[in-house]
Amino acid sequence: MTNIRNIVVLTGAGISAESGIDTFRDAGGLWEQHRVEDVATPEGFARDPELVQRFYDARREAVRKVSPNAAHEALARLDAEWEGDLLIVTQNVDDLHERAGAKRVLHMHGELLSALCSRCEARHRWSAPLLGQPSCPGCGEQALRPDVVWFGEMPYEMDRIYAALHRADLFVSIGTSGAVYPAAGFVREARELGARTLELNLERGEGSYWFDESRQGKAGKLVPEWVSQILDT
């Protein structure tokens, strides 16, 4: 692709599915047999904090047992070799992009390997269980919660994301349905600003009509092919 200098990549659950991480929720609105309202909202946490802590402790342990796949590794190659600006915005809370070697990564929905103090609002790298109310390393209060953006909360670093979209020559969406805002609106923003837009997904998403090009298939095949195409031309 010629005249491409600055790239924004958005990744969703589909890129990690091939590593064995379940997509966010099935057609019945369940996530790992739990109602999303019970484990992914501030109200659910206030109602039953032990359930929520136990749920995310289990997710944190599950992520340790999986490995990055070919799609993560391809984006890490792009990160290492691309001389222009690159921002990998992920909706995923796993650390598979980083474990594959990518460094220019922004977790707009937070991270499993981080804890947020609801008292002092400090964020701490965290790999141990949160069940049992460990103390915040900053303020000492027993107020730690998963550093995950729940429904009804504002995603992280939106100003930085929109600034990158304004500079982008190419916006690529990988493994996301295009159904959840604000991420679902990124393609429209990028396209209206003049960027080329590309969708790589198992099937066409809800916002596929906004993309200049849409390719269907598994991320582990499509992403390495696209990265080779853009780096080797």
C-alpha atoms as a PDB file:
ATOM      1  CA  MET A   1       0.000   0.000   0.000  1.00  0.00           C
ATOM      2  CA  THR A   2       1.497   3.265  -1.099  1.00  0.00           C
ATOM      3  CA  ASN A   3       1.287   6.581   0.743  1.00  0.00           C
ATOM      4  CA  ILE A   4       0.636   4.851   4.056  1.00  0.00           C
ATOM      5  CA  ARG A   5       2.619   6.278   6.945  1.00  0.00           C
ATOM      6  CA  ASN A   6       0.422   6.258  10.047  1.00  0.00           C
ATOM      7  CA  ILE A   7      -1.646   3.225  11.026  1.00  0.00           C
ATOM      8  CA  VAL A   8      -4.266   2.613  13.710  1.00  0.00           C
ATOM      9  CA  VAL A   9      -5.204  -1.014  14.363  1.00  0.00           C
ATOM     10  CA  LEU A  10      -8.249  -1.943  16.436  1.00  0.00           C
ATOM     11  CA  THR A  11      -8.382  -5.503  17.781  1.00  0.00           C
ATOM     12  CA  GLY A  12     -11.273  -7.319  19.408  1.00  0.00           C
ATOM     13  CA  ALA A  13     -12.113 -10.684  20.897  1.00  0.00           C
ATOM     14  CA  GLY A  14     -11.767 -12.459  17.565  1.00  0.00           C
ATOM     15  CA  ILE A  15      -7.994 -12.045  17.513  1.00  0.00           C
ATOM     16  CA  SER A  16      -7.616 -13.889  20.823  1.00  0.00           C
ATOM     17  CA  ALA A  17     -10.244 -16.563  20.158  1.00  0.00           C
ATOM     18  CA  GLU A  18      -7.714 -18.705  18.295  1.00  0.00           C
ATOM     19  CA  SER A  19      -5.553 -18.718  21.426  1.00  0.00           C
ATOM     20  CA  GLY A  20      -8.414 -20.303  23.356  1.00  0.00           C
ATOM     21  CA  ILE A  21      -9.896 -17.209  24.997  1.00  0.00           C
ATOM     22  CA  ASP A  22     -13.664 -17.154  24.688  1.00  0.00           C
ATOM     23  CA  THR A  23     -15.265 -14.232  22.918  1.00  0.00           C
ATOM     24  CA  PHE A  24     -16.925 -11.767  25.249  1.00  0.00           C
ATOM     25  CA  ARG A  25     -20.408 -13.205  25.310  1.00  0.00           C
ATOM     26  CA  ASP A  26     -22.590 -15.613  23.373  1.00  0.00           C
ATOM     27  CA  ALA A  27     -25.945 -14.969  21.738  1.00  0.00           C
ATOM     28  CA  GLY A  28     -27.693 -15.562  25.059  1.00  0.00           C
ATOM     29  CA  GLY A  29     -25.943 -12.607  26.699  1.00  0.00           C
ATOM     30  CA  LEU A  30     -23.833 -14.836  28.930  1.00  0.00           C
ATOM     31  CA  TRP A  31     -20.130 -14.562  29.632  1.00  0.00           C
ATOM     32  CA  GLU A  32     -18.647 -17.777  31.005  1.00  0.00           C
ATOM     33  CA  GLN A  33     -22.149 -18.756  32.201  1.00  0.00           C
ATOM     34  CA  HIS A  34     -22.665 -15.458  34.014  1.00  0.00           C
ATOM     35  CA  ARG A  35     -25.000 -12.623  33.100  1.00  0.00           C
ATOM     36  CA  VAL A  36     -22.979  -9.698  31.809  1.00  0.00           C
ATOM     37  CA  GLU A  37     -24.938  -7.433  34.171  1.00  0.00           C
ATOM     38  CA  ASP A  38     -23.606  -9.428  37.129  1.00  0.00           C
ATOM     39  CA  VAL A  39     -19.893  -9.454  36.262  1.00  0.00           C
ATOM     40  CA  ALA A  40     -19.270  -6.497  33.943  1.00  0.00           C
ATOM     41  CA  THR A  41     -21.071  -3.528  35.482  1.00  0.00           C
ATOM     42  CA  PRO A  42     -20.375  -1.284  38.498  1.00  0.00           C
ATOM     43  CA  GLU A  43     -23.809  -2.250  39.806  1.00  0.00           C
ATOM     44  CA  GLY A  44     -22.938  -5.944  39.659  1.00  0.00           C
ATOM     45  CA  PHE A  45     -19.732  -5.297  41.603  1.00  0.00           C
ATOM     46  CA  ALA A  46     -21.587  -3.287  44.252  1.00  0.00           C
ATOM     47  CA  ARG A  47     -24.179  -6.042  44.558  1.00  0.00           C
ATOM     48  CA  ASP A  48     -21.801  -9.004  44.816  1.00  0.00           C
ATOM     49  CA  PRO A  49     -18.109  -8.032  44.905  1.00  0.00           C
ATOM     50  CA  GLU A  50     -16.969 -11.564  45.785  1.00  0.00           C
ATOM     51  CA  LEU A  51     -18.601 -12.997  42.669  1.00  0.00           C
ATOM     52  CA  VAL A  52     -16.946 -10.370  40.482  1.00  0.00           C
ATOM     53  CA  GLN A  53     -13.504 -10.786  42.089  1.00  0.00           C
ATOM     54  CA  ARG A  54     -13.759 -14.561  41.758  1.00  0.00           C
ATOM     55  CA  PHE A  55     -14.798 -14.219  38.114  1.00  0.00           C
ATOM     56  CA  TYR A  56     -11.830 -12.021  37.167  1.00  0.00           C
ATOM     57  CA  ASP A  57      -9.388 -14.054  39.237  1.00  0.00           C
ATOM     58  CA  ALA A  58     -10.436 -17.051  37.129  1.00  0.00           C
ATOM     59  CA  ARG A  59     -10.044 -15.071  33.882  1.00  0.00           C
ATOM     60  CA  ARG A  60      -6.580 -13.920  34.998  1.00  0.00           C
ATOM     61  CA  GLU A  61      -5.545 -17.504  35.687  1.00  0.00           C
ATOM     62  CA  ALA A  62      -6.980 -18.702  32.374  1.00  0.00           C
ATOM     63  CA  VAL A  63      -4.989 -16.151  30.382  1.00  0.00           C
ATOM     64  CA  ARG A  64      -1.763 -17.455  31.889  1.00  0.00           C
ATOM     65  CA  LYS A  65      -2.425 -20.845  30.273  1.00  0.00           C
ATOM     66  CA  VAL A  66      -2.742 -19.595  26.681  1.00  0.00           C
ATOM     67  CA  SER A  67      -0.220 -18.220  24.236  1.00  0.00           C
ATOM     68  CA  PRO A  68      -0.203 -15.553  21.515  1.00  0.00           C
ATOM     69  CA  ASN A  69      -1.219 -16.836  18.098  1.00  0.00           C
ATOM     70  CA  ALA A  70      -0.025 -16.017  14.601  1.00  0.00           C
ATOM     71  CA  ALA A  71      -2.161 -12.860  14.443  1.00  0.00           C
ATOM     72  CA  HIS A  72      -0.615 -11.421  17.621  1.00  0.00           C
ATOM     73  CA  GLU A  73       2.848 -12.330  16.364  1.00  0.00           C
ATOM     74  CA  ALA A  74       2.201 -10.666  13.013  1.00  0.00           C
ATOM     75  CA  LEU A  75       1.153  -7.422  14.695  1.00  0.00           C
ATOM     76  CA  ALA A  76       4.272  -7.601  16.857  1.00  0.00           C
ATOM     77  CA  ARG A  77       6.290  -7.861  13.654  1.00  0.00           C
ATOM     78  CA  LEU A  78       4.478  -4.803  12.302  1.00  0.00           C
ATOM     79  CA  ASP A  79       5.234  -2.974  15.550  1.00  0.00           C
ATOM     80  CA  ALA A  80       8.916  -3.822  15.302  1.00  0.00           C
ATOM     81  CA  GLU A  81       9.370  -3.029  11.604  1.00  0.00           C
ATOM     82  CA  TRP A  82       6.943  -0.214  10.808  1.00  0.00           C
ATOM     83  CA  GLU A  83       8.803   3.095  10.685  1.00  0.00           C
ATOM     84  CA  GLY A  84       5.731   5.301  10.724  1.00  0.00           C
ATOM     85  CA  ASP A  85       3.304   5.888  13.553  1.00  0.00           C
ATOM     86  CA  LEU A  86       1.425   2.823  14.773  1.00  0.00           C
ATOM     87  CA  LEU A  87      -1.120   2.436  17.533  1.00  0.00           C
ATOM     88  CA  ILE A  88      -2.645  -0.946  18.338  1.00  0.00           C
ATOM     89  CA  VAL A  89      -5.864  -0.186  20.200  1.00  0.00           C
ATOM     90  CA  THR A  90      -7.228  -3.349  21.757  1.00  0.00           C
ATOM     91  CA  GLN A  91     -10.606  -3.960  23.318  1.00  0.00           C
ATOM     92  CA  ASN A  92      -9.177  -7.110  24.896  1.00  0.00           C
ATOM     93  CA  VAL A  93      -8.069  -7.254  28.515  1.00  0.00           C
ATOM     94  CA  ASP A  94      -5.536 -10.057  27.971  1.00  0.00           C
ATOM     95  CA  ASP A  95      -1.802  -9.428  27.519  1.00  0.00           C
ATOM     96  CA  LEU A  96      -1.277 -11.492  24.350  1.00  0.00           C
ATOM     97  CA  HIS A  97      -0.201  -8.515  22.220  1.00  0.00           C
ATOM     98  CA  GLU A  98       2.548  -7.692  24.700  1.00  0.00           C
ATOM     99  CA  ARG A  99       3.612 -11.307  25.125  1.00  0.00           C
ATOM    100  CA  ALA A 100       3.984 -11.552  21.354  1.00  0.00           C
ATOM    101  CA  GLY A 101       6.343  -8.566  21.525  1.00  0.00           C
ATOM    102  CA  ALA A 102       4.183  -5.580  20.566  1.00  0.00           C
ATOM    103  CA  LYS A 103       4.939  -2.359  22.434  1.00  0.00           C
ATOM    104  CA  ARG A 104       2.710   0.274  20.827  1.00  0.00           C
ATOM    105  CA  VAL A 105      -0.445  -1.079  22.476  1.00  0.00           C
ATOM    106  CA  LEU A 106      -3.295   0.775  24.173  1.00  0.00           C
ATOM    107  CA  HIS A 107      -5.845  -1.185  26.257  1.00  0.00           C
ATOM    108  CA  MET A 108      -9.005   0.888  25.968  1.00  0.00           C
ATOM    109  CA  HIS A 109     -10.969  -1.533  28.183  1.00  0.00           C
ATOM    110  CA  GLY A 110      -8.261  -2.037  30.808  1.00  0.00           C
ATOM    111  CA  GLU A 111      -6.180  -5.082  31.644  1.00  0.00           C
ATOM    112  CA  LEU A 112      -6.587  -8.267  33.631  1.00  0.00           C
ATOM    113  CA  LEU A 113      -3.030  -7.898  34.907  1.00  0.00           C
ATOM    114  CA  SER A 114      -3.803  -4.583  36.557  1.00  0.00           C
ATOM    115  CA  ALA A 115      -5.766  -3.581  39.643  1.00  0.00           C
ATOM    116  CA  LEU A 116      -7.557  -0.283  40.199  1.00  0.00           C
ATOM    117  CA  CYS A 117      -8.028   1.259  43.626  1.00  0.00           C
ATOM    118  CA  SER A 118     -11.548   2.648  43.959  1.00  0.00           C
ATOM    119  CA  ARG A 119     -10.358   4.977  46.750  1.00  0.00           C
ATOM    120  CA  CYS A 120      -7.168   6.619  45.460  1.00  0.00           C
ATOM    121  CA  GLU A 121      -7.723   5.662  41.779  1.00  0.00           C
ATOM    122  CA  ALA A 122      -4.167   4.354  41.455  1.00  0.00           C
ATOM    123  CA  ARG A 123      -3.525   1.524  39.006  1.00  0.00           C
ATOM    124  CA  HIS A 124      -1.085  -1.262  39.880  1.00  0.00           C
ATOM    125  CA  ARG A 125       0.356  -4.151  37.904  1.00  0.00           C
ATOM    126  CA  TRP A 126      -1.318  -7.173  39.446  1.00  0.00           C
ATOM    127  CA  SER A 127      -1.097 -10.931  38.894  1.00  0.00           C
ATOM    128  CA  ALA A 128      -2.334 -12.298  42.247  1.00  0.00           C
ATOM    129  CA  PRO A 129      -5.971 -12.961  43.178  1.00  0.00           C
ATOM    130  CA  LEU A 130      -8.088  -9.973  44.220  1.00  0.00           C
ATOM    131  CA  LEU A 131     -10.537 -12.111  46.172  1.00  0.00           C
ATOM    132  CA  GLY A 132      -9.821 -11.609  49.871  1.00  0.00           C
ATOM    133  CA  GLN A 133      -9.473  -7.826  49.628  1.00  0.00           C
ATOM    134  CA  PRO A 134      -5.710  -7.244  49.435  1.00  0.00           C
ATOM    135  CA  SER A 135      -4.604  -3.725  50.334  1.00  0.00           C
ATOM    136  CA  CYS A 136      -3.799  -1.067  47.767  1.00  0.00           C
ATOM    137  CA  PRO A 137       0.011  -0.621  47.574  1.00  0.00           C
ATOM    138  CA  GLY A 138      -0.582   3.125  47.282  1.00  0.00           C
ATOM    139  CA  CYS A 139      -3.066   4.166  49.956  1.00  0.00           C
ATOM    140  CA  GLY A 140      -3.298   0.949  51.983  1.00  0.00           C
ATOM    141  CA  GLU A 141      -7.090   0.712  51.709  1.00  0.00           C
ATOM    142  CA  GLN A 142      -8.791  -2.586  50.903  1.00  0.00           C
ATOM    143  CA  ALA A 143     -10.412  -1.098  47.828  1.00  0.00           C
ATOM    144  CA  LEU A 144      -8.867  -2.886  44.856  1.00  0.00           C
ATOM    145  CA  ARG A 145     -11.033  -3.985  41.941  1.00  0.00           C
ATOM    146  CA  PRO A 146     -10.245  -5.355  38.474  1.00  0.00           C
ATOM    147  CA  ASP A 147      -8.811  -2.640  36.251  1.00  0.00           C
ATOM    148  CA  VAL A 148     -11.369  -3.469  33.585  1.00  0.00           C
ATOM    149  CA  VAL A 149     -13.747  -0.978  31.994  1.00  0.00           C
ATOM    150  CA  TRP A 150     -17.269  -2.177  32.652  1.00  0.00           C
ATOM    151  CA  PHE A 151     -20.478  -1.249  30.869  1.00  0.00           C
ATOM    152  CA  GLY A 152     -21.415   2.267  31.877  1.00  0.00           C
ATOM    153  CA  GLU A 153     -17.779   3.336  32.391  1.00  0.00           C
ATOM    154  CA  MET A 154     -15.628   5.444  30.067  1.00  0.00           C
ATOM    155  CA  PRO A 155     -12.927   3.585  28.087  1.00  0.00           C
ATOM    156  CA  TYR A 156      -9.342   4.642  28.705  1.00  0.00           C
ATOM    157  CA  GLU A 157      -7.333   7.213  26.738  1.00  0.00           C
ATOM    158  CA  MET A 158     -10.030   8.218  24.273  1.00  0.00           C
ATOM    159  CA  ASP A 159      -8.246  11.523  23.552  1.00  0.00           C
ATOM    160  CA  ARG A 160      -5.112   9.640  22.528  1.00  0.00           C
ATOM    161  CA  ILE A 161      -7.119   7.270  20.331  1.00  0.00           C
ATOM    162  CA  TYR A 162      -8.927  10.069  18.499  1.00  0.00           C
ATOM    163  CA  ALA A 163      -5.664  11.966  18.043  1.00  0.00           C
ATOM    164  CA  ALA A 164      -4.186   8.867  16.388  1.00  0.00           C
ATOM    165  CA  LEU A 165      -7.279   8.489  14.181  1.00  0.00           C
ATOM    166  CA  HIS A 166      -6.872  12.094  13.039  1.00  0.00           C
ATOM    167  CA  ARG A 167      -3.309  11.335  11.889  1.00  0.00           C
ATOM    168  CA  ALA A 168      -4.052   7.912  10.406  1.00  0.00           C
ATOM    169  CA  ASP A 169      -3.631   7.064   6.756  1.00  0.00           C
ATOM    170  CA  LEU A 170      -4.954   3.551   7.374  1.00  0.00           C
ATOM    171  CA  PHE A 171      -7.397   2.142   9.922  1.00  0.00           C
ATOM    172  CA  VAL A 172      -7.575  -1.635  10.319  1.00  0.00           C
ATOM    173  CA  SER A 173     -10.182  -3.473  12.406  1.00  0.00           C
ATOM    174  CA  ILE A 174      -9.361  -7.064  13.390  1.00  0.00           C
ATOM    175  CA  GLY A 175     -11.685  -9.560  15.026  1.00  0.00           C
ATOM    176  CA  THR A 176     -14.384  -7.210  16.246  1.00  0.00           C
ATOM    177  CA  SER A 177     -18.086  -7.189  15.482  1.00  0.00           C
ATOM    178  CA  GLY A 178     -18.392  -3.428  15.244  1.00  0.00           C
ATOM    179  CA  ALA A 179     -21.370  -3.490  17.600  1.00  0.00           C
ATOM    180  CA  VAL A 180     -20.055  -1.846  20.791  1.00  0.00           C
ATOM    181  CA  TYR A 181     -19.455   1.900  20.957  1.00  0.00           C
ATOM    182  CA  PRO A 182     -17.336   3.938  21.084  1.00  0.00           C
ATOM    183  CA  ALA A 183     -14.976   1.516  19.292  1.00  0.00           C
ATOM    184  CA  ALA A 184     -17.633   0.766  16.671  1.00  0.00           C
ATOM    185  CA  GLY A 185     -17.466   4.419  15.604  1.00  0.00           C
ATOM    186  CA  PHE A 186     -13.716   4.492  14.956  1.00  0.00           C
ATOM    187  CA  VAL A 187     -14.024   3.336  11.340  1.00  0.00           C
ATOM    188  CA  ARG A 188     -16.475   6.108  10.493  1.00  0.00           C
ATOM    189  CA  GLU A 189     -14.250   8.679  12.192  1.00  0.00           C
ATOM    190  CA  ALA A 190     -11.182   7.458  10.303  1.00  0.00           C
ATOM    191  CA  ARG A 191     -12.933   7.283   6.959  1.00  0.00           C
ATOM    192  CA  GLU A 192     -14.450  10.747   7.251  1.00  0.00           C
ATOM    193  CA  LEU A 193     -10.957  12.058   8.014  1.00  0.00           C
ATOM    194  CA  GLY A 194      -9.638  10.541   4.790  1.00  0.00           C
ATOM    195  CA  ALA A 195      -7.981   7.326   5.977  1.00  0.00           C
ATOM    196  CA  ARG A 196      -8.276   4.064   4.079  1.00  0.00           C
ATOM    197  CA  THR A 197     -10.189   1.447   6.061  1.00  0.00           C
ATOM    198  CA  LEU A 198      -9.773  -2.336   6.149  1.00  0.00           C
ATOM    199  CA  GLU A 199     -11.726  -4.985   8.046  1.00  0.00           C
ATOM    200  CA  LEU A 200     -10.218  -8.404   8.852  1.00  0.00           C
ATOM    201  CA  ASN A 201     -12.849 -10.549  10.521  1.00  0.00           C
ATOM    202  CA  LEU A 202     -14.288 -14.039  10.641  1.00  0.00           C
ATOM    203  CA  GLU A 203     -17.445 -12.634   9.070  1.00  0.00           C
ATOM    204  CA  ARG A 204     -18.661  -9.210   8.043  1.00  0.00           C
ATOM    205  CA  GLY A 205     -19.398  -7.038  11.074  1.00  0.00           C
ATOM    206  CA  GLU A 206     -22.295  -4.681  11.703  1.00  0.00           C
ATOM    207  CA  GLY A 207     -20.297  -1.736  10.417  1.00  0.00           C
ATOM    208  CA  SER A 208     -18.727  -3.464   7.408  1.00  0.00           C
ATOM    209  CA  TYR A 209     -20.279  -0.989   4.981  1.00  0.00           C
ATOM    210  CA  TRP A 210     -17.974   1.725   6.354  1.00  0.00           C
ATOM    211  CA  PHE A 211     -14.855  -0.140   5.250  1.00  0.00           C
ATOM    212  CA  ASP A 212     -13.165   0.314   1.901  1.00  0.00           C
ATOM    213  CA  GLU A 213     -12.283  -3.374   1.986  1.00  0.00           C
ATOM    214  CA  SER A 214     -13.440  -6.339   4.089  1.00  0.00           C
ATOM    215  CA  ARG A 215     -11.657  -9.695   4.195  1.00  0.00           C
ATOM    216  CA  GLN A 216     -13.222 -12.713   5.877  1.00  0.00           C
ATOM    217  CA  GLY A 217     -11.387 -15.595   7.538  1.00  0.00           C
ATOM    218  CA  LYS A 218      -9.454 -16.523  10.653  1.00  0.00           C
ATOM    219  CA  ALA A 219      -7.239 -13.836  12.130  1.00  0.00           C
ATOM    220  CA  GLY A 220      -4.324 -16.273  12.295  1.00  0.00           C
ATOM    221  CA  LYS A 221      -4.314 -16.384   8.504  1.00  0.00           C
ATOM    222  CA  LEU A 222      -5.555 -12.939   7.478  1.00  0.00           C
ATOM    223  CA  VAL A 223      -3.373 -10.818   9.757  1.00  0.00           C
ATOM    224  CA  PRO A 224       0.008 -12.349   8.811  1.00  0.00           C
ATOM    225  CA  GLU A 225      -0.957 -12.056   5.133  1.00  0.00           C
ATOM    226  CA  TRP A 226      -1.864  -8.388   5.528  1.00  0.00           C
ATOM    227  CA  VAL A 227       1.249  -7.561   7.564  1.00  0.00           C
ATOM    228  CA  SER A 228       3.473  -9.221   4.972  1.00  0.00           C
ATOM    229  CA  GLN A 229       1.661  -7.311   2.246  1.00  0.00           C
ATOM    230  CA  ILE A 230       2.190  -3.927   3.875  1.00  0.00           C
ATOM    231  CA  LEU A 231       5.774  -4.529   5.035  1.00  0.00           C
ATOM    232  CA  ASP A 232       7.068  -6.265   1.915  1.00  0.00           C
ATOM    233  CA  THR A 233       5.762  -3.790  -0.661  1.00  0.00           C
END
